[in-house]
Structure formats: C-alpha cells, structure tokens
Amino acid sequence: MPKPPSDRRRVPVRLVFADRGSFHDLVIRLPADVLGRYERLIDALREEPSITGEIYVDPRRLVAAYVEGEEDSAKG
C-alpha cells in the first residue's frame, strides 16, 4: 500500500532563479523516491506530474537546481 504524500521522505532542493539582473533562491522539499527515478533533477522538475502538480518552475529563469547538502558531502 503506497504511503500518503505527507508520509513520504522529502529532500530539500534549492532552486536559483535570475530575474532582471538579480538572483534569488528558493528551497523546496520534493519526494526522494520520485527524484530517484530521474537521472537529472531538471527532468523531474519539468516532467514529473507529482512535482509539476505542486510547483511551477519557470525554465527561462531557472539557472541552477540542486539537492541541498550534496556539496557538503562531496567535500567531506
């Protein structure tokens, strides 16, 4: 039996946007099991119905997207 969406493990994902010469970022939490089905994070953000149903990401303004904490684990 699938777990309800609120019970699924979610991971923090930082999105960085450019807008008229300035940058801003936003951290969202996405289902880990869904992200695990995609080789690239951008594909999940654009194609996965369970993600696109929760959030709209403007691909013209998105300049970076990464799972929070990946840089720290790579250093250490």
PDB file of N, CA and C in Angstrom:
ATOM      1  N   MET A   1       0.844  -1.182   0.000  1.00  0.00           N
ATOM      2  CA  MET A   1       0.000   0.000   0.000  1.00  0.00           C
ATOM      3  C   MET A   1       0.893   1.250   0.000  1.00  0.00           C
ATOM      4  N   PRO A   2       0.709   2.176  -0.960  1.00  0.00           N
ATOM      5  CA  PRO A   2       1.539   3.381  -1.005  1.00  0.00           C
ATOM      6  C   PRO A   2       1.285   4.277   0.199  1.00  0.00           C
ATOM      7  N   LYS A   3       2.345   4.930   0.617  1.00  0.00           N
ATOM      8  CA  LYS A   3       2.219   5.870   1.734  1.00  0.00           C
ATOM      9  C   LYS A   3       1.557   7.147   1.239  1.00  0.00           C
ATOM     10  N   PRO A   4       0.782   7.796   2.100  1.00  0.00           N
ATOM     11  CA  PRO A   4       0.226   9.101   1.718  1.00  0.00           C
ATOM     12  C   PRO A   4       1.363  10.087   1.465  1.00  0.00           C
ATOM     13  N   PRO A   5       1.155  11.082   0.586  1.00  0.00           N
ATOM     14  CA  PRO A   5       2.212  12.037   0.270  1.00  0.00           C
ATOM     15  C   PRO A   5       2.858  12.672   1.493  1.00  0.00           C
ATOM     16  N   SER A   6       2.105  12.914   2.546  1.00  0.00           N
ATOM     17  CA  SER A   6       2.676  13.567   3.725  1.00  0.00           C
ATOM     18  C   SER A   6       3.660  12.665   4.457  1.00  0.00           C
ATOM     19  N   ASP A   7       3.582  11.327   4.243  1.00  0.00           N
ATOM     20  CA  ASP A   7       4.470  10.391   4.916  1.00  0.00           C
ATOM     21  C   ASP A   7       5.719  10.067   4.107  1.00  0.00           C
ATOM     22  N   ARG A   8       5.778  10.473   2.863  1.00  0.00           N
ATOM     23  CA  ARG A   8       6.931  10.168   2.024  1.00  0.00           C
ATOM     24  C   ARG A   8       8.109  11.029   2.439  1.00  0.00           C
ATOM     25  N   ARG A   9       9.310  10.433   2.391  1.00  0.00           N
ATOM     26  CA  ARG A   9      10.518  11.193   2.726  1.00  0.00           C
ATOM     27  C   ARG A   9      10.751  12.252   1.658  1.00  0.00           C
ATOM     28  N   ARG A  10      10.994  13.454   2.106  1.00  0.00           N
ATOM     29  CA  ARG A  10      11.236  14.566   1.185  1.00  0.00           C
ATOM     30  C   ARG A  10      12.639  15.110   1.405  1.00  0.00           C
ATOM     31  N   VAL A  11      13.235  15.574   0.340  1.00  0.00           N
ATOM     32  CA  VAL A  11      14.582  16.125   0.411  1.00  0.00           C
ATOM     33  C   VAL A  11      14.539  17.596   0.003  1.00  0.00           C
ATOM     34  N   PRO A  12      15.393  18.417   0.625  1.00  0.00           N
ATOM     35  CA  PRO A  12      15.422  19.832   0.257  1.00  0.00           C
ATOM     36  C   PRO A  12      16.144  20.035  -1.077  1.00  0.00           C
ATOM     37  N   VAL A  13      15.534  20.816  -1.943  1.00  0.00           N
ATOM     38  CA  VAL A  13      16.100  21.140  -3.250  1.00  0.00           C
ATOM     39  C   VAL A  13      16.145  22.655  -3.365  1.00  0.00           C
ATOM     40  N   ARG A  14      17.325  23.191  -3.663  1.00  0.00           N
ATOM     41  CA  ARG A  14      17.476  24.642  -3.827  1.00  0.00           C
ATOM     42  C   ARG A  14      17.357  24.987  -5.310  1.00  0.00           C
ATOM     43  N   LEU A  15      16.468  25.918  -5.606  1.00  0.00           N
ATOM     44  CA  LEU A  15      16.288  26.432  -6.960  1.00  0.00           C
ATOM     45  C   LEU A  15      16.823  27.857  -6.988  1.00  0.00           C
ATOM     46  N   VAL A  16      17.629  28.182  -7.988  1.00  0.00           N
ATOM     47  CA  VAL A  16      18.181  29.531  -8.130  1.00  0.00           C
ATOM     48  C   VAL A  16      17.628  30.114  -9.425  1.00  0.00           C
ATOM     49  N   PHE A  17      17.060  31.304  -9.306  1.00  0.00           N
ATOM     50  CA  PHE A  17      16.437  31.976 -10.440  1.00  0.00           C
ATOM     51  C   PHE A  17      17.137  33.299 -10.727  1.00  0.00           C
ATOM     52  N   ALA A  18      17.163  33.694 -11.999  1.00  0.00           N
ATOM     53  CA  ALA A  18      17.632  35.015 -12.415  1.00  0.00           C
ATOM     54  C   ALA A  18      16.406  35.793 -12.868  1.00  0.00           C
ATOM     55  N   ASP A  19      16.328  37.036 -12.414  1.00  0.00           N
ATOM     56  CA  ASP A  19      15.192  37.868 -12.782  1.00  0.00           C
ATOM     57  C   ASP A  19      15.653  39.306 -12.925  1.00  0.00           C
ATOM     58  N   ARG A  20      15.732  39.763 -14.157  1.00  0.00           N
ATOM     59  CA  ARG A  20      16.112  41.149 -14.459  1.00  0.00           C
ATOM     60  C   ARG A  20      17.428  41.555 -13.799  1.00  0.00           C
ATOM     61  N   GLY A  21      18.426  40.702 -13.922  1.00  0.00           N
ATOM     62  CA  GLY A  21      19.755  41.037 -13.431  1.00  0.00           C
ATOM     63  C   GLY A  21      20.033  40.684 -11.989  1.00  0.00           C
ATOM     64  N   SER A  22      19.063  40.195 -11.267  1.00  0.00           N
ATOM     65  CA  SER A  22      19.316  39.779  -9.884  1.00  0.00           C
ATOM     66  C   SER A  22      18.981  38.296  -9.740  1.00  0.00           C
ATOM     67  N   PHE A  23      19.561  37.703  -8.726  1.00  0.00           N
ATOM     68  CA  PHE A  23      19.353  36.283  -8.468  1.00  0.00           C
ATOM     69  C   PHE A  23      18.632  36.105  -7.146  1.00  0.00           C
ATOM     70  N   HIS A  24      17.788  35.109  -7.079  1.00  0.00           N
ATOM     71  CA  HIS A  24      17.169  34.744  -5.811  1.00  0.00           C
ATOM     72  C   HIS A  24      16.992  33.231  -5.792  1.00  0.00           C
ATOM     73  N   ASP A  25      16.943  32.704  -4.585  1.00  0.00           N
ATOM     74  CA  ASP A  25      16.821  31.257  -4.470  1.00  0.00           C
ATOM     75  C   ASP A  25      15.639  30.889  -3.599  1.00  0.00           C
ATOM     76  N   LEU A  26      15.267  29.645  -3.714  1.00  0.00           N
ATOM     77  CA  LEU A  26      14.115  29.117  -3.005  1.00  0.00           C
ATOM     78  C   LEU A  26      14.413  27.657  -2.696  1.00  0.00           C
ATOM     79  N   VAL A  27      14.166  27.244  -1.466  1.00  0.00           N
ATOM     80  CA  VAL A  27      14.340  25.838  -1.107  1.00  0.00           C
ATOM     81  C   VAL A  27      12.960  25.204  -1.011  1.00  0.00           C
ATOM     82  N   ILE A  28      12.784  24.133  -1.755  1.00  0.00           N
ATOM     83  CA  ILE A  28      11.536  23.378  -1.728  1.00  0.00           C
ATOM     84  C   ILE A  28      11.854  21.961  -1.276  1.00  0.00           C
ATOM     85  N   ARG A  29      10.849  21.222  -0.866  1.00  0.00           N
ATOM     86  CA  ARG A  29      11.055  19.828  -0.442  1.00  0.00           C
ATOM     87  C   ARG A  29      10.277  18.926  -1.390  1.00  0.00           C
ATOM     88  N   LEU A  30      11.010  17.998  -2.020  1.00  0.00           N
ATOM     89  CA  LEU A  30      10.419  17.111  -3.012  1.00  0.00           C
ATOM     90  C   LEU A  30      10.567  15.655  -2.583  1.00  0.00           C
ATOM     91  N   PRO A  31       9.667  14.789  -3.041  1.00  0.00           N
ATOM     92  CA  PRO A  31       9.722  13.372  -2.657  1.00  0.00           C
ATOM     93  C   PRO A  31      11.007  12.697  -3.148  1.00  0.00           C
ATOM     94  N   ALA A  32      11.740  12.086  -2.237  1.00  0.00           N
ATOM     95  CA  ALA A  32      13.007  11.433  -2.574  1.00  0.00           C
ATOM     96  C   ALA A  32      12.804  10.285  -3.557  1.00  0.00           C
ATOM     97  N   ASP A  33      11.738   9.520  -3.386  1.00  0.00           N
ATOM     98  CA  ASP A  33      11.517   8.376  -4.277  1.00  0.00           C
ATOM     99  C   ASP A  33      11.257   8.822  -5.710  1.00  0.00           C
ATOM    100  N   VAL A  34      10.607   9.952  -5.877  1.00  0.00           N
ATOM    101  CA  VAL A  34      10.344  10.476  -7.220  1.00  0.00           C
ATOM    102  C   VAL A  34      11.642  10.967  -7.844  1.00  0.00           C
ATOM    103  N   LEU A  35      12.441  11.709  -7.098  1.00  0.00           N
ATOM    104  CA  LEU A  35      13.705  12.215  -7.631  1.00  0.00           C
ATOM    105  C   LEU A  35      14.629  11.069  -8.015  1.00  0.00           C
ATOM    106  N   GLY A  36      14.566   9.972  -7.278  1.00  0.00           N
ATOM    107  CA  GLY A  36      15.411   8.822  -7.559  1.00  0.00           C
ATOM    108  C   GLY A  36      15.125   8.150  -8.893  1.00  0.00           C
ATOM    109  N   ARG A  37      13.984   8.426  -9.476  1.00  0.00           N
ATOM    110  CA  ARG A  37      13.625   7.833 -10.771  1.00  0.00           C
ATOM    111  C   ARG A  37      14.190   8.611 -11.954  1.00  0.00           C
ATOM    112  N   TYR A  38      14.783   9.752 -11.699  1.00  0.00           N
ATOM    113  CA  TYR A  38      15.302  10.599 -12.772  1.00  0.00           C
ATOM    114  C   TYR A  38      16.810  10.738 -12.651  1.00  0.00           C
ATOM    115  N   GLU A  39      17.487  10.680 -13.790  1.00  0.00           N
ATOM    116  CA  GLU A  39      18.935  10.861 -13.803  1.00  0.00           C
ATOM    117  C   GLU A  39      19.296  12.322 -13.531  1.00  0.00           C
ATOM    118  N   ARG A  40      18.483  13.238 -14.074  1.00  0.00           N
ATOM    119  CA  ARG A  40      18.751  14.669 -13.901  1.00  0.00           C
ATOM    120  C   ARG A  40      17.599  15.321 -13.146  1.00  0.00           C
ATOM    121  N   LEU A  41      17.934  16.173 -12.212  1.00  0.00           N
ATOM    122  CA  LEU A  41      16.939  16.883 -11.411  1.00  0.00           C
ATOM    123  C   LEU A  41      16.026  17.738 -12.286  1.00  0.00           C
ATOM    124  N   ILE A  42      16.581  18.384 -13.287  1.00  0.00           N
ATOM    125  CA  ILE A  42      15.782  19.250 -14.155  1.00  0.00           C
ATOM    126  C   ILE A  42      14.678  18.467 -14.865  1.00  0.00           C
ATOM    127  N   ASP A  43      14.954  17.220 -15.222  1.00  0.00           N
ATOM    128  CA  ASP A  43      13.926  16.405 -15.877  1.00  0.00           C
ATOM    129  C   ASP A  43      12.753  16.150 -14.937  1.00  0.00           C
ATOM    130  N   ALA A  44      13.049  15.867 -13.684  1.00  0.00           N
ATOM    131  CA  ALA A  44      11.980  15.662 -12.699  1.00  0.00           C
ATOM    132  C   ALA A  44      11.165  16.938 -12.520  1.00  0.00           C
ATOM    133  N   LEU A  45      11.837  18.084 -12.472  1.00  0.00           N
ATOM    134  CA  LEU A  45      11.140  19.359 -12.291  1.00  0.00           C
ATOM    135  C   LEU A  45      10.232  19.681 -13.473  1.00  0.00           C
ATOM    136  N   ARG A  46      10.608  19.254 -14.666  1.00  0.00           N
ATOM    137  CA  ARG A  46       9.825  19.568 -15.864  1.00  0.00           C
ATOM    138  C   ARG A  46       8.784  18.516 -16.218  1.00  0.00           C
ATOM    139  N   GLU A  47       9.041  17.241 -15.856  1.00  0.00           N
ATOM    140  CA  GLU A  47       8.225  16.158 -16.400  1.00  0.00           C
ATOM    141  C   GLU A  47       7.389  15.383 -15.389  1.00  0.00           C
ATOM    142  N   GLU A  48       7.770  15.367 -14.141  1.00  0.00           N
ATOM    143  CA  GLU A  48       7.107  14.503 -13.162  1.00  0.00           C
ATOM    144  C   GLU A  48       5.784  15.116 -12.692  1.00  0.00           C
ATOM    145  N   PRO A  49       4.653  14.458 -12.978  1.00  0.00           N
ATOM    146  CA  PRO A  49       3.345  15.013 -12.604  1.00  0.00           C
ATOM    147  C   PRO A  49       3.194  15.291 -11.107  1.00  0.00           C
ATOM    148  N   SER A  50       3.775  14.461 -10.260  1.00  0.00           N
ATOM    149  CA  SER A  50       3.625  14.706  -8.820  1.00  0.00           C
ATOM    150  C   SER A  50       4.381  15.958  -8.378  1.00  0.00           C
ATOM    151  N   ILE A  51       5.388  16.373  -9.146  1.00  0.00           N
ATOM    152  CA  ILE A  51       6.118  17.612  -8.841  1.00  0.00           C
ATOM    153  C   ILE A  51       5.458  18.790  -9.543  1.00  0.00           C
ATOM    154  N   THR A  52       5.148  18.639 -10.827  1.00  0.00           N
ATOM    155  CA  THR A  52       4.537  19.756 -11.558  1.00  0.00           C
ATOM    156  C   THR A  52       3.155  20.099 -11.015  1.00  0.00           C
ATOM    157  N   GLY A  53       2.528  19.149 -10.339  1.00  0.00           N
ATOM    158  CA  GLY A  53       1.244  19.421  -9.701  1.00  0.00           C
ATOM    159  C   GLY A  53       1.378  20.240  -8.428  1.00  0.00           C
ATOM    160  N   GLU A  54       2.586  20.278  -7.852  1.00  0.00           N
ATOM    161  CA  GLU A  54       2.835  21.029  -6.616  1.00  0.00           C
ATOM    162  C   GLU A  54       3.441  22.404  -6.865  1.00  0.00           C
ATOM    163  N   ILE A  55       4.291  22.509  -7.895  1.00  0.00           N
ATOM    164  CA  ILE A  55       5.037  23.745  -8.097  1.00  0.00           C
ATOM    165  C   ILE A  55       5.275  23.976  -9.586  1.00  0.00           C
ATOM    166  N   TYR A  56       5.228  25.239  -9.996  1.00  0.00           N
ATOM    167  CA  TYR A  56       5.588  25.599 -11.362  1.00  0.00           C
ATOM    168  C   TYR A  56       6.986  26.192 -11.327  1.00  0.00           C
ATOM    169  N   VAL A  57       7.862  25.688 -12.179  1.00  0.00           N
ATOM    170  CA  VAL A  57       9.223  26.210 -12.285  1.00  0.00           C
ATOM    171  C   VAL A  57       9.368  26.827 -13.667  1.00  0.00           C
ATOM    172  N   ASP A  58       9.666  28.121 -13.715  1.00  0.00           N
ATOM    173  CA  ASP A  58       9.842  28.822 -14.984  1.00  0.00           C
ATOM    174  C   ASP A  58      11.227  28.478 -15.542  1.00  0.00           C
ATOM    175  N   PRO A  59      11.296  27.665 -16.592  1.00  0.00           N
ATOM    176  CA  PRO A  59      12.601  27.241 -17.107  1.00  0.00           C
ATOM    177  C   PRO A  59      13.419  28.379 -17.713  1.00  0.00           C
ATOM    178  N   ARG A  60      12.774  29.470 -18.092  1.00  0.00           N
ATOM    179  CA  ARG A  60      13.510  30.616 -18.647  1.00  0.00           C
ATOM    180  C   ARG A  60      14.316  31.334 -17.579  1.00  0.00           C
ATOM    181  N   ARG A  61      13.892  31.235 -16.329  1.00  0.00           N
ATOM    182  CA  ARG A  61      14.571  31.954 -15.245  1.00  0.00           C
ATOM    183  C   ARG A  61      15.410  31.048 -14.347  1.00  0.00           C
ATOM    184  N   LEU A  62      15.197  29.745 -14.426  1.00  0.00           N
ATOM    185  CA  LEU A  62      15.937  28.812 -13.579  1.00  0.00           C
ATOM    186  C   LEU A  62      17.377  28.699 -14.068  1.00  0.00           C
ATOM    187  N   VAL A  63      18.336  28.989 -13.197  1.00  0.00           N
ATOM    188  CA  VAL A  63      19.748  28.892 -13.575  1.00  0.00           C
ATOM    189  C   VAL A  63      20.464  27.753 -12.860  1.00  0.00           C
ATOM    190  N   ALA A  64      19.915  27.264 -11.755  1.00  0.00           N
ATOM    191  CA  ALA A  64      20.535  26.143 -11.037  1.00  0.00           C
ATOM    192  C   ALA A  64      19.491  25.459 -10.169  1.00  0.00           C
ATOM    193  N   ALA A  65      19.681  24.160 -10.004  1.00  0.00           N
ATOM    194  CA  ALA A  65      18.828  23.380  -9.109  1.00  0.00           C
ATOM    195  C   ALA A  65      19.683  22.249  -8.562  1.00  0.00           C
ATOM    196  N   TYR A  66      19.686  22.095  -7.252  1.00  0.00           N
ATOM    197  CA  TYR A  66      20.477  21.016  -6.661  1.00  0.00           C
ATOM    198  C   TYR A  66      19.897  20.611  -5.322  1.00  0.00           C
ATOM    199  N   VAL A  67      20.153  19.353  -4.974  1.00  0.00           N
ATOM    200  CA  VAL A  67      19.721  18.836  -3.683  1.00  0.00           C
ATOM    201  C   VAL A  67      20.619  19.451  -2.623  1.00  0.00           C
ATOM    202  N   GLU A  68      20.028  20.047  -1.612  1.00  0.00           N
ATOM    203  CA  GLU A  68      20.779  20.671  -0.530  1.00  0.00           C
ATOM    204  C   GLU A  68      21.649  19.640   0.174  1.00  0.00           C
ATOM    205  N   GLY A  69      22.880  20.017   0.482  1.00  0.00           N
ATOM    206  CA  GLY A  69      23.775  19.148   1.224  1.00  0.00           C
ATOM    207  C   GLY A  69      24.690  18.321   0.345  1.00  0.00           C
ATOM    208  N   GLU A  70      24.460  18.269  -0.961  1.00  0.00           N
ATOM    209  CA  GLU A  70      25.325  17.481  -1.837  1.00  0.00           C
ATOM    210  C   GLU A  70      26.739  18.040  -1.881  1.00  0.00           C
ATOM    211  N   GLU A  71      26.888  19.355  -1.847  1.00  0.00           N
ATOM    212  CA  GLU A  71      28.216  19.957  -1.880  1.00  0.00           C
ATOM    213  C   GLU A  71      28.993  19.603  -0.619  1.00  0.00           C
ATOM    214  N   ASP A  72      28.305  19.628   0.536  1.00  0.00           N
ATOM    215  CA  ASP A  72      28.950  19.316   1.806  1.00  0.00           C
ATOM    216  C   ASP A  72      29.434  17.875   1.838  1.00  0.00           C
ATOM    217  N   SER A  73      28.631  16.941   1.338  1.00  0.00           N
ATOM    218  CA  SER A  73      29.027  15.536   1.372  1.00  0.00           C
ATOM    219  C   SER A  73      30.151  15.262   0.378  1.00  0.00           C
ATOM    220  N   ALA A  74      30.230  16.022  -0.701  1.00  0.00           N
ATOM    221  CA  ALA A  74      31.300  15.836  -1.671  1.00  0.00           C
ATOM    222  C   ALA A  74      32.639  16.312  -1.113  1.00  0.00           C
ATOM    223  N   LYS A  75      32.611  17.290  -0.214  1.00  0.00           N
ATOM    224  CA  LYS A  75      33.838  17.822   0.375  1.00  0.00           C
ATOM    225  C   LYS A  75      34.406  16.904   1.438  1.00  0.00           C
ATOM    226  N   GLY A  76      33.515  16.143   2.075  1.00  0.00           N
ATOM    227  CA  GLY A  76      33.974  15.544   3.229  1.00  0.00           C
ATOM    228  C   GLY A  76      34.170  14.208   3.538  1.00  0.00           C
TER     229      GLY A  76
END
